[in-house]
Amino acid sequence: MSDSPSTILVVEDDDIVRMLIVDVLEELEYSVLEAADAGEALVVLKNADQPIDLMMTDLGLPDMNGRELALLARELRTDIPVLFASGYADSVEVPAGMHNIGKPFSIDQLRDKVNGILGH
């Protein structure tokens, strides 16, 4: 394992929410990539030179839902962990090996969830 920070791809169509999530993750010393929708996320995911340790995605995206995006992400990167953010987290069926966090979440909840998934 290298000492470089884990890289998280944040997919969120709400600019303000995305900015807040990115700020929190960068304060936790993660490297963060941003995408406003699934289309942008897939461009990043298809770039084999770009390491991604975790994809955090909103479930409600304008072009496809987060679950569809996660399944496509898994086709491109078979073992990428996925964290869904949703206002309805309790009622969300999450595919195997994927995680969710309910919105609104606190900075501490986000930190604990991400650190737990990435094993920090």
PDB file of N, CA and C in Angstrom:
ATOM      1  N   MET A   1       0.848  -1.195   0.000  1.00  0.00           N
ATOM      2  CA  MET A   1       0.000   0.000   0.000  1.00  0.00           C
ATOM      3  C   MET A   1       0.885   1.247   0.000  1.00  0.00           C
ATOM      4  N   SER A   2       0.521   2.209  -0.830  1.00  0.00           N
ATOM      5  CA  SER A   2       1.271   3.457  -0.841  1.00  0.00           C
ATOM      6  C   SER A   2       0.709   4.385   0.229  1.00  0.00           C
ATOM      7  N   ASP A   3       1.438   5.454   0.484  1.00  0.00           N
ATOM      8  CA  ASP A   3       0.983   6.421   1.473  1.00  0.00           C
ATOM      9  C   ASP A   3       0.115   7.508   0.864  1.00  0.00           C
ATOM     10  N   SER A   4      -0.099   7.424  -0.453  1.00  0.00           N
ATOM     11  CA  SER A   4      -0.912   8.465  -1.074  1.00  0.00           C
ATOM     12  C   SER A   4      -2.354   8.335  -0.584  1.00  0.00           C
ATOM     13  N   PRO A   5      -3.068   9.463  -0.526  1.00  0.00           N
ATOM     14  CA  PRO A   5      -4.423   9.407   0.026  1.00  0.00           C
ATOM     15  C   PRO A   5      -5.358   8.599  -0.864  1.00  0.00           C
ATOM     16  N   SER A   6      -6.356   8.005  -0.246  1.00  0.00           N
ATOM     17  CA  SER A   6      -7.382   7.307  -1.011  1.00  0.00           C
ATOM     18  C   SER A   6      -8.139   8.318  -1.864  1.00  0.00           C
ATOM     19  N   THR A   7      -8.558   7.871  -3.036  1.00  0.00           N
ATOM     20  CA  THR A   7      -9.265   8.745  -3.967  1.00  0.00           C
ATOM     21  C   THR A   7     -10.746   8.388  -3.979  1.00  0.00           C
ATOM     22  N   ILE A   8     -11.583   9.402  -3.805  1.00  0.00           N
ATOM     23  CA  ILE A   8     -13.025   9.206  -3.758  1.00  0.00           C
ATOM     24  C   ILE A   8     -13.663   9.990  -4.897  1.00  0.00           C
ATOM     25  N   LEU A   9     -14.490   9.317  -5.669  1.00  0.00           N
ATOM     26  CA  LEU A   9     -15.269   9.964  -6.720  1.00  0.00           C
ATOM     27  C   LEU A   9     -16.638  10.305  -6.139  1.00  0.00           C
ATOM     28  N   VAL A  10     -16.969  11.606  -6.109  1.00  0.00           N
ATOM     29  CA  VAL A  10     -18.241  12.072  -5.568  1.00  0.00           C
ATOM     30  C   VAL A  10     -19.160  12.443  -6.725  1.00  0.00           C
ATOM     31  N   VAL A  11     -20.306  11.753  -6.806  1.00  0.00           N
ATOM     32  CA  VAL A  11     -21.271  12.003  -7.867  1.00  0.00           C
ATOM     33  C   VAL A  11     -22.533  12.584  -7.227  1.00  0.00           C
ATOM     34  N   GLU A  12     -22.784  13.845  -7.499  1.00  0.00           N
ATOM     35  CA  GLU A  12     -23.899  14.554  -6.850  1.00  0.00           C
ATOM     36  C   GLU A  12     -24.323  15.698  -7.765  1.00  0.00           C
ATOM     37  N   ASP A  13     -25.609  15.741  -8.132  1.00  0.00           N
ATOM     38  CA  ASP A  13     -26.045  16.758  -9.096  1.00  0.00           C
ATOM     39  C   ASP A  13     -26.313  18.112  -8.457  1.00  0.00           C
ATOM     40  N   ASP A  14     -26.458  18.153  -7.139  1.00  0.00           N
ATOM     41  CA  ASP A  14     -26.659  19.422  -6.451  1.00  0.00           C
ATOM     42  C   ASP A  14     -25.289  20.027  -6.149  1.00  0.00           C
ATOM     43  N   ASP A  15     -24.985  21.150  -6.801  1.00  0.00           N
ATOM     44  CA  ASP A  15     -23.638  21.728  -6.703  1.00  0.00           C
ATOM     45  C   ASP A  15     -23.247  22.033  -5.259  1.00  0.00           C
ATOM     46  N   ILE A  16     -24.190  22.571  -4.490  1.00  0.00           N
ATOM     47  CA  ILE A  16     -23.871  22.970  -3.111  1.00  0.00           C
ATOM     48  C   ILE A  16     -23.597  21.745  -2.253  1.00  0.00           C
ATOM     49  N   VAL A  17     -24.442  20.734  -2.389  1.00  0.00           N
ATOM     50  CA  VAL A  17     -24.240  19.496  -1.629  1.00  0.00           C
ATOM     51  C   VAL A  17     -22.914  18.856  -2.015  1.00  0.00           C
ATOM     52  N   ARG A  18     -22.638  18.821  -3.319  1.00  0.00           N
ATOM     53  CA  ARG A  18     -21.387  18.212  -3.785  1.00  0.00           C
ATOM     54  C   ARG A  18     -20.188  18.973  -3.218  1.00  0.00           C
ATOM     55  N   MET A  19     -20.261  20.308  -3.234  1.00  0.00           N
ATOM     56  CA  MET A  19     -19.169  21.117  -2.725  1.00  0.00           C
ATOM     57  C   MET A  19     -18.929  20.835  -1.237  1.00  0.00           C
ATOM     58  N   LEU A  20     -20.007  20.707  -0.482  1.00  0.00           N
ATOM     59  CA  LEU A  20     -19.874  20.427   0.951  1.00  0.00           C
ATOM     60  C   LEU A  20     -19.230  19.068   1.187  1.00  0.00           C
ATOM     61  N   ILE A  21     -19.692  18.056   0.453  1.00  0.00           N
ATOM     62  CA  ILE A  21     -19.131  16.708   0.603  1.00  0.00           C
ATOM     63  C   ILE A  21     -17.641  16.723   0.253  1.00  0.00           C
ATOM     64  N   VAL A  22     -17.309  17.375  -0.862  1.00  0.00           N
ATOM     65  CA  VAL A  22     -15.907  17.446  -1.298  1.00  0.00           C
ATOM     66  C   VAL A  22     -15.058  18.144  -0.244  1.00  0.00           C
ATOM     67  N   ASP A  23     -15.570  19.258   0.303  1.00  0.00           N
ATOM     68  CA  ASP A  23     -14.826  19.979   1.346  1.00  0.00           C
ATOM     69  C   ASP A  23     -14.538  19.083   2.544  1.00  0.00           C
ATOM     70  N   VAL A  24     -15.562  18.350   2.977  1.00  0.00           N
ATOM     71  CA  VAL A  24     -15.397  17.471   4.143  1.00  0.00           C
ATOM     72  C   VAL A  24     -14.351  16.396   3.839  1.00  0.00           C
ATOM     73  N   LEU A  25     -14.476  15.754   2.689  1.00  0.00           N
ATOM     74  CA  LEU A  25     -13.553  14.666   2.352  1.00  0.00           C
ATOM     75  C   LEU A  25     -12.123  15.181   2.191  1.00  0.00           C
ATOM     76  N   GLU A  26     -11.981  16.381   1.619  1.00  0.00           N
ATOM     77  CA  GLU A  26     -10.627  16.938   1.471  1.00  0.00           C
ATOM     78  C   GLU A  26     -10.040  17.292   2.828  1.00  0.00           C
ATOM     79  N   GLU A  27     -10.888  17.763   3.755  1.00  0.00           N
ATOM     80  CA  GLU A  27     -10.397  18.028   5.106  1.00  0.00           C
ATOM     81  C   GLU A  27      -9.933  16.747   5.791  1.00  0.00           C
ATOM     82  N   LEU A  28     -10.542  15.627   5.415  1.00  0.00           N
ATOM     83  CA  LEU A  28     -10.137  14.336   5.957  1.00  0.00           C
ATOM     84  C   LEU A  28      -8.926  13.775   5.205  1.00  0.00           C
ATOM     85  N   GLU A  29      -8.390  14.600   4.302  1.00  0.00           N
ATOM     86  CA  GLU A  29      -7.176  14.279   3.554  1.00  0.00           C
ATOM     87  C   GLU A  29      -7.365  13.159   2.544  1.00  0.00           C
ATOM     88  N   TYR A  30      -8.577  13.084   2.008  1.00  0.00           N
ATOM     89  CA  TYR A  30      -8.797  12.220   0.845  1.00  0.00           C
ATOM     90  C   TYR A  30      -8.583  13.046  -0.416  1.00  0.00           C
ATOM     91  N   SER A  31      -8.216  12.361  -1.471  1.00  0.00           N
ATOM     92  CA  SER A  31      -8.166  12.986  -2.787  1.00  0.00           C
ATOM     93  C   SER A  31      -9.556  12.823  -3.392  1.00  0.00           C
ATOM     94  N   VAL A  32     -10.137  13.909  -3.922  1.00  0.00           N
ATOM     95  CA  VAL A  32     -11.535  13.866  -4.342  1.00  0.00           C
ATOM     96  C   VAL A  32     -11.688  14.245  -5.810  1.00  0.00           C
ATOM     97  N   LEU A  33     -12.459  13.436  -6.515  1.00  0.00           N
ATOM     98  CA  LEU A  33     -12.858  13.730  -7.895  1.00  0.00           C
ATOM     99  C   LEU A  33     -14.350  14.037  -7.863  1.00  0.00           C
ATOM    100  N   GLU A  34     -14.800  14.929  -8.744  1.00  0.00           N
ATOM    101  CA  GLU A  34     -16.204  15.319  -8.727  1.00  0.00           C
ATOM    102  C   GLU A  34     -16.878  15.024 -10.054  1.00  0.00           C
ATOM    103  N   ALA A  35     -18.141  14.646  -9.975  1.00  0.00           N
ATOM    104  CA  ALA A  35     -18.971  14.500 -11.170  1.00  0.00           C
ATOM    105  C   ALA A  35     -20.374  14.985 -10.829  1.00  0.00           C
ATOM    106  N   ALA A  36     -21.000  15.724 -11.761  1.00  0.00           N
ATOM    107  CA  ALA A  36     -22.327  16.275 -11.517  1.00  0.00           C
ATOM    108  C   ALA A  36     -23.431  15.297 -11.908  1.00  0.00           C
ATOM    109  N   ASP A  37     -23.076  14.273 -12.665  1.00  0.00           N
ATOM    110  CA  ASP A  37     -24.084  13.292 -13.073  1.00  0.00           C
ATOM    111  C   ASP A  37     -23.385  11.988 -13.461  1.00  0.00           C
ATOM    112  N   ALA A  38     -24.192  10.990 -13.797  1.00  0.00           N
ATOM    113  CA  ALA A  38     -23.636   9.672 -14.111  1.00  0.00           C
ATOM    114  C   ALA A  38     -22.738   9.718 -15.343  1.00  0.00           C
ATOM    115  N   GLY A  39     -23.114  10.526 -16.316  1.00  0.00           N
ATOM    116  CA  GLY A  39     -22.303  10.637 -17.533  1.00  0.00           C
ATOM    117  C   GLY A  39     -20.884  11.094 -17.221  1.00  0.00           C
ATOM    118  N   GLU A  40     -20.765  12.145 -16.397  1.00  0.00           N
ATOM    119  CA  GLU A  40     -19.437  12.625 -16.002  1.00  0.00           C
ATOM    120  C   GLU A  40     -18.697  11.561 -15.197  1.00  0.00           C
ATOM    121  N   ALA A  41     -19.430  10.878 -14.329  1.00  0.00           N
ATOM    122  CA  ALA A  41     -18.803   9.847 -13.498  1.00  0.00           C
ATOM    123  C   ALA A  41     -18.234   8.727 -14.355  1.00  0.00           C
ATOM    124  N   LEU A  42     -18.972   8.330 -15.379  1.00  0.00           N
ATOM    125  CA  LEU A  42     -18.519   7.223 -16.231  1.00  0.00           C
ATOM    126  C   LEU A  42     -17.257   7.590 -17.003  1.00  0.00           C
ATOM    127  N   VAL A  43     -17.132   8.856 -17.391  1.00  0.00           N
ATOM    128  CA  VAL A  43     -15.902   9.296 -18.059  1.00  0.00           C
ATOM    129  C   VAL A  43     -14.701   9.064 -17.136  1.00  0.00           C
ATOM    130  N   VAL A  44     -14.874   9.435 -15.861  1.00  0.00           N
ATOM    131  CA  VAL A  44     -13.795   9.254 -14.882  1.00  0.00           C
ATOM    132  C   VAL A  44     -13.528   7.765 -14.653  1.00  0.00           C
ATOM    133  N   LEU A  45     -14.611   6.995 -14.509  1.00  0.00           N
ATOM    134  CA  LEU A  45     -14.463   5.565 -14.233  1.00  0.00           C
ATOM    135  C   LEU A  45     -13.779   4.822 -15.376  1.00  0.00           C
ATOM    136  N   LYS A  46     -13.996   5.292 -16.603  1.00  0.00           N
ATOM    137  CA  LYS A  46     -13.413   4.615 -17.773  1.00  0.00           C
ATOM    138  C   LYS A  46     -11.937   4.943 -17.948  1.00  0.00           C
ATOM    139  N   ASN A  47     -11.446   5.963 -17.228  1.00  0.00           N
ATOM    140  CA  ASN A  47     -10.033   6.323 -17.317  1.00  0.00           C
ATOM    141  C   ASN A  47      -9.229   5.367 -16.434  1.00  0.00           C
ATOM    142  N   ALA A  48      -8.657   4.351 -17.055  1.00  0.00           N
ATOM    143  CA  ALA A  48      -7.982   3.288 -16.306  1.00  0.00           C
ATOM    144  C   ALA A  48      -6.775   3.803 -15.525  1.00  0.00           C
ATOM    145  N   ASP A  49      -6.224   4.952 -15.933  1.00  0.00           N
ATOM    146  CA  ASP A  49      -5.051   5.503 -15.246  1.00  0.00           C
ATOM    147  C   ASP A  49      -5.427   6.200 -13.941  1.00  0.00           C
ATOM    148  N   GLN A  50      -6.717   6.439 -13.734  1.00  0.00           N
ATOM    149  CA  GLN A  50      -7.167   7.183 -12.561  1.00  0.00           C
ATOM    150  C   GLN A  50      -7.567   6.218 -11.454  1.00  0.00           C
ATOM    151  N   PRO A  51      -6.797   6.171 -10.361  1.00  0.00           N
ATOM    152  CA  PRO A  51      -7.215   5.304  -9.266  1.00  0.00           C
ATOM    153  C   PRO A  51      -8.464   5.864  -8.585  1.00  0.00           C
ATOM    154  N   ILE A  52      -9.390   4.996  -8.244  1.00  0.00           N
ATOM    155  CA  ILE A  52     -10.573   5.387  -7.469  1.00  0.00           C
ATOM    156  C   ILE A  52     -10.769   4.313  -6.405  1.00  0.00           C
ATOM    157  N   ASP A  53     -10.751   4.729  -5.151  1.00  0.00           N
ATOM    158  CA  ASP A  53     -10.874   3.774  -4.047  1.00  0.00           C
ATOM    159  C   ASP A  53     -12.314   3.638  -3.557  1.00  0.00           C
ATOM    160  N   LEU A  54     -13.131   4.640  -3.884  1.00  0.00           N
ATOM    161  CA  LEU A  54     -14.526   4.628  -3.431  1.00  0.00           C
ATOM    162  C   LEU A  54     -15.314   5.567  -4.321  1.00  0.00           C
ATOM    163  N   MET A  55     -16.518   5.144  -4.709  1.00  0.00           N
ATOM    164  CA  MET A  55     -17.428   6.050  -5.398  1.00  0.00           C
ATOM    165  C   MET A  55     -18.588   6.341  -4.456  1.00  0.00           C
ATOM    166  N   MET A  56     -18.793   7.642  -4.186  1.00  0.00           N
ATOM    167  CA  MET A  56     -19.939   8.063  -3.389  1.00  0.00           C
ATOM    168  C   MET A  56     -20.923   8.718  -4.340  1.00  0.00           C
ATOM    169  N   THR A  57     -22.137   8.192  -4.422  1.00  0.00           N
ATOM    170  CA  THR A  57     -23.093   8.738  -5.370  1.00  0.00           C
ATOM    171  C   THR A  57     -24.451   8.980  -4.739  1.00  0.00           C
ATOM    172  N   ASP A  58     -25.068  10.052  -5.186  1.00  0.00           N
ATOM    173  CA  ASP A  58     -26.454  10.313  -4.847  1.00  0.00           C
ATOM    174  C   ASP A  58     -27.297   9.257  -5.558  1.00  0.00           C
ATOM    175  N   LEU A  59     -28.388   8.835  -4.941  1.00  0.00           N
ATOM    176  CA  LEU A  59     -29.262   7.881  -5.640  1.00  0.00           C
ATOM    177  C   LEU A  59     -30.071   8.563  -6.727  1.00  0.00           C
ATOM    178  N   GLY A  60     -30.452   9.830  -6.505  1.00  0.00           N
ATOM    179  CA  GLY A  60     -31.273  10.530  -7.483  1.00  0.00           C
ATOM    180  C   GLY A  60     -30.435  11.427  -8.370  1.00  0.00           C
ATOM    181  N   LEU A  61     -29.988  10.892  -9.493  1.00  0.00           N
ATOM    182  CA  LEU A  61     -29.209  11.677 -10.449  1.00  0.00           C
ATOM    183  C   LEU A  61     -30.098  11.992 -11.652  1.00  0.00           C
ATOM    184  N   PRO A  62     -29.781  13.071 -12.391  1.00  0.00           N
ATOM    185  CA  PRO A  62     -30.669  13.455 -13.489  1.00  0.00           C
ATOM    186  C   PRO A  62     -30.681  12.476 -14.663  1.00  0.00           C
ATOM    187  N   ASP A  63     -29.562  11.817 -14.937  1.00  0.00           N
ATOM    188  CA  ASP A  63     -29.511  11.013 -16.158  1.00  0.00           C
ATOM    189  C   ASP A  63     -29.735   9.515 -15.932  1.00  0.00           C
ATOM    190  N   MET A  64     -29.371   9.002 -14.802  1.00  0.00           N
ATOM    191  CA  MET A  64     -29.716   7.618 -14.431  1.00  0.00           C
ATOM    192  C   MET A  64     -29.607   7.554 -12.921  1.00  0.00           C
ATOM    193  N   ASN A  65     -30.215   6.557 -12.288  1.00  0.00           N
ATOM    194  CA  ASN A  65     -30.134   6.571 -10.830  1.00  0.00           C
ATOM    195  C   ASN A  65     -28.804   6.004 -10.346  1.00  0.00           C
ATOM    196  N   GLY A  66     -28.521   6.282  -9.091  1.00  0.00           N
ATOM    197  CA  GLY A  66     -27.237   5.889  -8.530  1.00  0.00           C
ATOM    198  C   GLY A  66     -26.991   4.396  -8.564  1.00  0.00           C
ATOM    199  N   ARG A  67     -28.063   3.614  -8.424  1.00  0.00           N
ATOM    200  CA  ARG A  67     -27.906   2.159  -8.464  1.00  0.00           C
ATOM    201  C   ARG A  67     -27.472   1.701  -9.848  1.00  0.00           C
ATOM    202  N   GLU A  68     -28.089   2.267 -10.887  1.00  0.00           N
ATOM    203  CA  GLU A  68     -27.680   1.921 -12.261  1.00  0.00           C
ATOM    204  C   GLU A  68     -26.223   2.314 -12.491  1.00  0.00           C
ATOM    205  N   LEU A  69     -25.860   3.499 -12.015  1.00  0.00           N
ATOM    206  CA  LEU A  69     -24.474   3.953 -12.142  1.00  0.00           C
ATOM    207  C   LEU A  69     -23.526   2.997 -11.423  1.00  0.00           C
ATOM    208  N   ALA A  70     -23.921   2.567 -10.225  1.00  0.00           N
ATOM    209  CA  ALA A  70     -23.067   1.660  -9.449  1.00  0.00           C
ATOM    210  C   ALA A  70     -22.839   0.346 -10.193  1.00  0.00           C
ATOM    211  N   LEU A  71     -23.888  -0.163 -10.821  1.00  0.00           N
ATOM    212  CA  LEU A  71     -23.738  -1.424 -11.556  1.00  0.00           C
ATOM    213  C   LEU A  71     -22.820  -1.243 -12.760  1.00  0.00           C
ATOM    214  N   LEU A  72     -22.930  -0.104 -13.442  1.00  0.00           N
ATOM    215  CA  LEU A  72     -22.008   0.184 -14.545  1.00  0.00           C
ATOM    216  C   LEU A  72     -20.583   0.345 -14.026  1.00  0.00           C
ATOM    217  N   ALA A  73     -20.449   1.022 -12.873  1.00  0.00           N
ATOM    218  CA  ALA A  73     -19.124   1.208 -12.282  1.00  0.00           C
ATOM    219  C   ALA A  73     -18.487  -0.147 -11.986  1.00  0.00           C
ATOM    220  N   ARG A  74     -19.309  -1.086 -11.505  1.00  0.00           N
ATOM    221  CA  ARG A  74     -18.794  -2.420 -11.183  1.00  0.00           C
ATOM    222  C   ARG A  74     -18.377  -3.193 -12.436  1.00  0.00           C
ATOM    223  N   GLU A  75     -19.009  -2.886 -13.564  1.00  0.00           N
ATOM    224  CA  GLU A  75     -18.579  -3.528 -14.821  1.00  0.00           C
ATOM    225  C   GLU A  75     -17.206  -3.006 -15.227  1.00  0.00           C
ATOM    226  N   LEU A  76     -16.959  -1.722 -14.959  1.00  0.00           N
ATOM    227  CA  LEU A  76     -15.682  -1.110 -15.333  1.00  0.00           C
ATOM    228  C   LEU A  76     -14.585  -1.415 -14.314  1.00  0.00           C
ATOM    229  N   ARG A  77     -14.955  -1.443 -13.041  1.00  0.00           N
ATOM    230  CA  ARG A  77     -14.004  -1.662 -11.936  1.00  0.00           C
ATOM    231  C   ARG A  77     -14.679  -2.642 -10.980  1.00  0.00           C
ATOM    232  N   THR A  78     -14.356  -3.901 -11.121  1.00  0.00           N
ATOM    233  CA  THR A  78     -15.148  -4.966 -10.498  1.00  0.00           C
ATOM    234  C   THR A  78     -15.308  -4.853  -8.993  1.00  0.00           C
ATOM    235  N   ASP A  79     -14.286  -4.350  -8.288  1.00  0.00           N
ATOM    236  CA  ASP A  79     -14.410  -4.402  -6.833  1.00  0.00           C
ATOM    237  C   ASP A  79     -14.482  -3.020  -6.200  1.00  0.00           C
ATOM    238  N   ILE A  80     -14.892  -2.003  -6.966  1.00  0.00           N
ATOM    239  CA  ILE A  80     -14.958  -0.655  -6.389  1.00  0.00           C
ATOM    240  C   ILE A  80     -16.064  -0.584  -5.333  1.00  0.00           C
ATOM    241  N   PRO A  81     -15.739  -0.092  -4.130  1.00  0.00           N
ATOM    242  CA  PRO A  81     -16.793   0.110  -3.137  1.00  0.00           C
ATOM    243  C   PRO A  81     -17.664   1.296  -3.541  1.00  0.00           C
ATOM    244  N   VAL A  82     -18.945   1.198  -3.240  1.00  0.00           N
ATOM    245  CA  VAL A  82     -19.881   2.267  -3.573  1.00  0.00           C
ATOM    246  C   VAL A  82     -20.639   2.671  -2.314  1.00  0.00           C
ATOM    247  N   LEU A  83     -20.737   3.978  -2.102  1.00  0.00           N
ATOM    248  CA  LEU A  83     -21.517   4.525  -0.994  1.00  0.00           C
ATOM    249  C   LEU A  83     -22.640   5.361  -1.580  1.00  0.00           C
ATOM    250  N   PHE A  84     -23.882   4.947  -1.328  1.00  0.00           N
ATOM    251  CA  PHE A  84     -25.031   5.718  -1.792  1.00  0.00           C
ATOM    252  C   PHE A  84     -25.426   6.735  -0.742  1.00  0.00           C
ATOM    253  N   ALA A  85     -25.759   7.942  -1.175  1.00  0.00           N
ATOM    254  CA  ALA A  85     -26.320   8.952  -0.279  1.00  0.00           C
ATOM    255  C   ALA A  85     -27.768   9.160  -0.694  1.00  0.00           C
ATOM    256  N   SER A  86     -28.665   9.049   0.269  1.00  0.00           N
ATOM    257  CA  SER A  86     -30.078   9.147  -0.077  1.00  0.00           C
ATOM    258  C   SER A  86     -30.877   9.671   1.096  1.00  0.00           C
ATOM    259  N   GLY A  87     -31.897  10.449   0.792  1.00  0.00           N
ATOM    260  CA  GLY A  87     -32.826  10.890   1.816  1.00  0.00           C
ATOM    261  C   GLY A  87     -33.721   9.775   2.310  1.00  0.00           C
ATOM    262  N   TYR A  88     -33.675   8.638   1.610  1.00  0.00           N
ATOM    263  CA  TYR A  88     -34.528   7.500   1.984  1.00  0.00           C
ATOM    264  C   TYR A  88     -33.672   6.282   2.275  1.00  0.00           C
ATOM    265  N   ALA A  89     -32.548   6.479   2.940  1.00  0.00           N
ATOM    266  CA  ALA A  89     -31.564   5.399   3.078  1.00  0.00           C
ATOM    267  C   ALA A  89     -32.155   4.142   3.710  1.00  0.00           C
ATOM    268  N   ASP A  90     -33.080   4.321   4.657  1.00  0.00           N
ATOM    269  CA  ASP A  90     -33.598   3.144   5.359  1.00  0.00           C
ATOM    270  C   ASP A  90     -34.400   2.236   4.447  1.00  0.00           C
ATOM    271  N   SER A  91     -34.976   2.816   3.387  1.00  0.00           N
ATOM    272  CA  SER A  91     -35.830   2.012   2.518  1.00  0.00           C
ATOM    273  C   SER A  91     -35.117   1.591   1.245  1.00  0.00           C
ATOM    274  N   VAL A  92     -33.818   1.862   1.175  1.00  0.00           N
ATOM    275  CA  VAL A  92     -33.074   1.587  -0.049  1.00  0.00           C
ATOM    276  C   VAL A  92     -32.488   0.180  -0.001  1.00  0.00           C
ATOM    277  N   GLU A  93     -32.714  -0.577  -1.058  1.00  0.00           N
ATOM    278  CA  GLU A  93     -32.064  -1.884  -1.203  1.00  0.00           C
ATOM    279  C   GLU A  93     -30.686  -1.641  -1.804  1.00  0.00           C
ATOM    280  N   VAL A  94     -29.656  -2.016  -1.079  1.00  0.00           N
ATOM    281  CA  VAL A  94     -28.294  -1.770  -1.548  1.00  0.00           C
ATOM    282  C   VAL A  94     -27.697  -3.076  -2.048  1.00  0.00           C
ATOM    283  N   PRO A  95     -27.173  -3.082  -3.287  1.00  0.00           N
ATOM    284  CA  PRO A  95     -26.540  -4.306  -3.798  1.00  0.00           C
ATOM    285  C   PRO A  95     -25.380  -4.760  -2.917  1.00  0.00           C
ATOM    286  N   ALA A  96     -25.039  -6.002  -3.004  1.00  0.00           N
ATOM    287  CA  ALA A  96     -23.972  -6.585  -2.188  1.00  0.00           C
ATOM    288  C   ALA A  96     -22.683  -5.800  -2.358  1.00  0.00           C
ATOM    289  N   GLY A  97     -21.992  -5.599  -1.239  1.00  0.00           N
ATOM    290  CA  GLY A  97     -20.713  -4.914  -1.285  1.00  0.00           C
ATOM    291  C   GLY A  97     -20.833  -3.409  -1.418  1.00  0.00           C
ATOM    292  N   MET A  98     -22.067  -2.905  -1.317  1.00  0.00           N
ATOM    293  CA  MET A  98     -22.276  -1.470  -1.411  1.00  0.00           C
ATOM    294  C   MET A  98     -22.861  -0.984  -0.089  1.00  0.00           C
ATOM    295  N   HIS A  99     -22.793   0.307   0.135  1.00  0.00           N
ATOM    296  CA  HIS A  99     -23.148   0.886   1.427  1.00  0.00           C
ATOM    297  C   HIS A  99     -24.065   2.073   1.201  1.00  0.00           C
ATOM    298  N   ASN A 100     -24.753   2.519   2.270  1.00  0.00           N
ATOM    299  CA  ASN A 100     -25.506   3.751   2.118  1.00  0.00           C
ATOM    300  C   ASN A 100     -25.429   4.599   3.365  1.00  0.00           C
ATOM    301  N   ILE A 101     -25.714   5.883   3.158  1.00  0.00           N
ATOM    302  CA  ILE A 101     -25.740   6.847   4.252  1.00  0.00           C
ATOM    303  C   ILE A 101     -26.961   7.727   4.017  1.00  0.00           C
ATOM    304  N   GLY A 102     -27.710   7.988   5.072  1.00  0.00           N
ATOM    305  CA  GLY A 102     -28.925   8.785   4.928  1.00  0.00           C
ATOM    306  C   GLY A 102     -28.621  10.270   4.902  1.00  0.00           C
ATOM    307  N   LYS A 103     -29.321  10.981   4.034  1.00  0.00           N
ATOM    308  CA  LYS A 103     -29.239  12.437   4.026  1.00  0.00           C
ATOM    309  C   LYS A 103     -30.361  12.982   4.907  1.00  0.00           C
ATOM    310  N   PRO A 104     -30.162  14.061   5.612  1.00  0.00           N
ATOM    311  CA  PRO A 104     -28.867  14.743   5.743  1.00  0.00           C
ATOM    312  C   PRO A 104     -27.966  13.986   6.697  1.00  0.00           C
ATOM    313  N   PHE A 105     -26.675  13.983   6.433  1.00  0.00           N
ATOM    314  CA  PHE A 105     -25.732  13.313   7.334  1.00  0.00           C
ATOM    315  C   PHE A 105     -24.783  14.353   7.903  1.00  0.00           C
ATOM    316  N   SER A 106     -24.259  14.056   9.069  1.00  0.00           N
ATOM    317  CA  SER A 106     -23.296  14.967   9.690  1.00  0.00           C
ATOM    318  C   SER A 106     -21.902  14.687   9.141  1.00  0.00           C
ATOM    319  N   ILE A 107     -21.020  15.624   9.369  1.00  0.00           N
ATOM    320  CA  ILE A 107     -19.622  15.441   8.965  1.00  0.00           C
ATOM    321  C   ILE A 107     -19.050  14.194   9.637  1.00  0.00           C
ATOM    322  N   ASP A 108     -19.368  14.010  10.919  1.00  0.00           N
ATOM    323  CA  ASP A 108     -18.864  12.841  11.639  1.00  0.00           C
ATOM    324  C   ASP A 108     -19.392  11.542  11.039  1.00  0.00           C
ATOM    325  N   GLN A 109     -20.675  11.528  10.692  1.00  0.00           N
ATOM    326  CA  GLN A 109     -21.247  10.315  10.097  1.00  0.00           C
ATOM    327  C   GLN A 109     -20.566   9.995   8.774  1.00  0.00           C
ATOM    328  N   LEU A 110     -20.347  11.035   7.964  1.00  0.00           N
ATOM    329  CA  LEU A 110     -19.698  10.825   6.677  1.00  0.00           C
ATOM    330  C   LEU A 110     -18.279  10.307   6.883  1.00  0.00           C
ATOM    331  N   ARG A 111     -17.559  10.952   7.795  1.00  0.00           N
ATOM    332  CA  ARG A 111     -16.182  10.526   8.064  1.00  0.00           C
ATOM    333  C   ARG A 111     -16.136   9.064   8.517  1.00  0.00           C
ATOM    334  N   ASP A 112     -17.007   8.721   9.487  1.00  0.00           N
ATOM    335  CA  ASP A 112     -16.987   7.366  10.016  1.00  0.00           C
ATOM    336  C   ASP A 112     -17.340   6.344   8.940  1.00  0.00           C
ATOM    337  N   LYS A 113     -18.316   6.688   8.108  1.00  0.00           N
ATOM    338  CA  LYS A 113     -18.764   5.769   7.057  1.00  0.00           C
ATOM    339  C   LYS A 113     -17.635   5.536   6.047  1.00  0.00           C
ATOM    340  N   VAL A 114     -17.043   6.637   5.567  1.00  0.00           N
ATOM    341  CA  VAL A 114     -15.987   6.534   4.561  1.00  0.00           C
ATOM    342  C   VAL A 114     -14.768   5.815   5.132  1.00  0.00           C
ATOM    343  N   ASN A 115     -14.358   6.203   6.352  1.00  0.00           N
ATOM    344  CA  ASN A 115     -13.205   5.545   6.971  1.00  0.00           C
ATOM    345  C   ASN A 115     -13.484   4.062   7.186  1.00  0.00           C
ATOM    346  N   GLY A 116     -14.726   3.733   7.539  1.00  0.00           N
ATOM    347  CA  GLY A 116     -15.086   2.333   7.734  1.00  0.00           C
ATOM    348  C   GLY A 116     -14.987   1.527   6.448  1.00  0.00           C
ATOM    349  N   ILE A 117     -15.496   2.113   5.365  1.00  0.00           N
ATOM    350  CA  ILE A 117     -15.456   1.409   4.076  1.00  0.00           C
ATOM    351  C   ILE A 117     -14.023   1.236   3.597  1.00  0.00           C
ATOM    352  N   LEU A 118     -13.219   2.294   3.753  1.00  0.00           N
ATOM    353  CA  LEU A 118     -11.840   2.262   3.249  1.00  0.00           C
ATOM    354  C   LEU A 118     -10.866   1.623   4.238  1.00  0.00           C
ATOM    355  N   GLY A 119     -11.374   1.293   5.427  1.00  0.00           N
ATOM    356  CA  GLY A 119     -10.546   0.585   6.391  1.00  0.00           C
ATOM    357  C   GLY A 119      -9.512   1.454   7.066  1.00  0.00           C
ATOM    358  N   HIS A 120      -9.818   2.756   7.244  1.00  0.00           N
ATOM    359  CA  HIS A 120      -8.866   3.658   7.928  1.00  0.00           C
ATOM    360  C   HIS A 120      -9.220   3.777   9.403  1.00  0.00           C
TER     361      HIS A 120
END
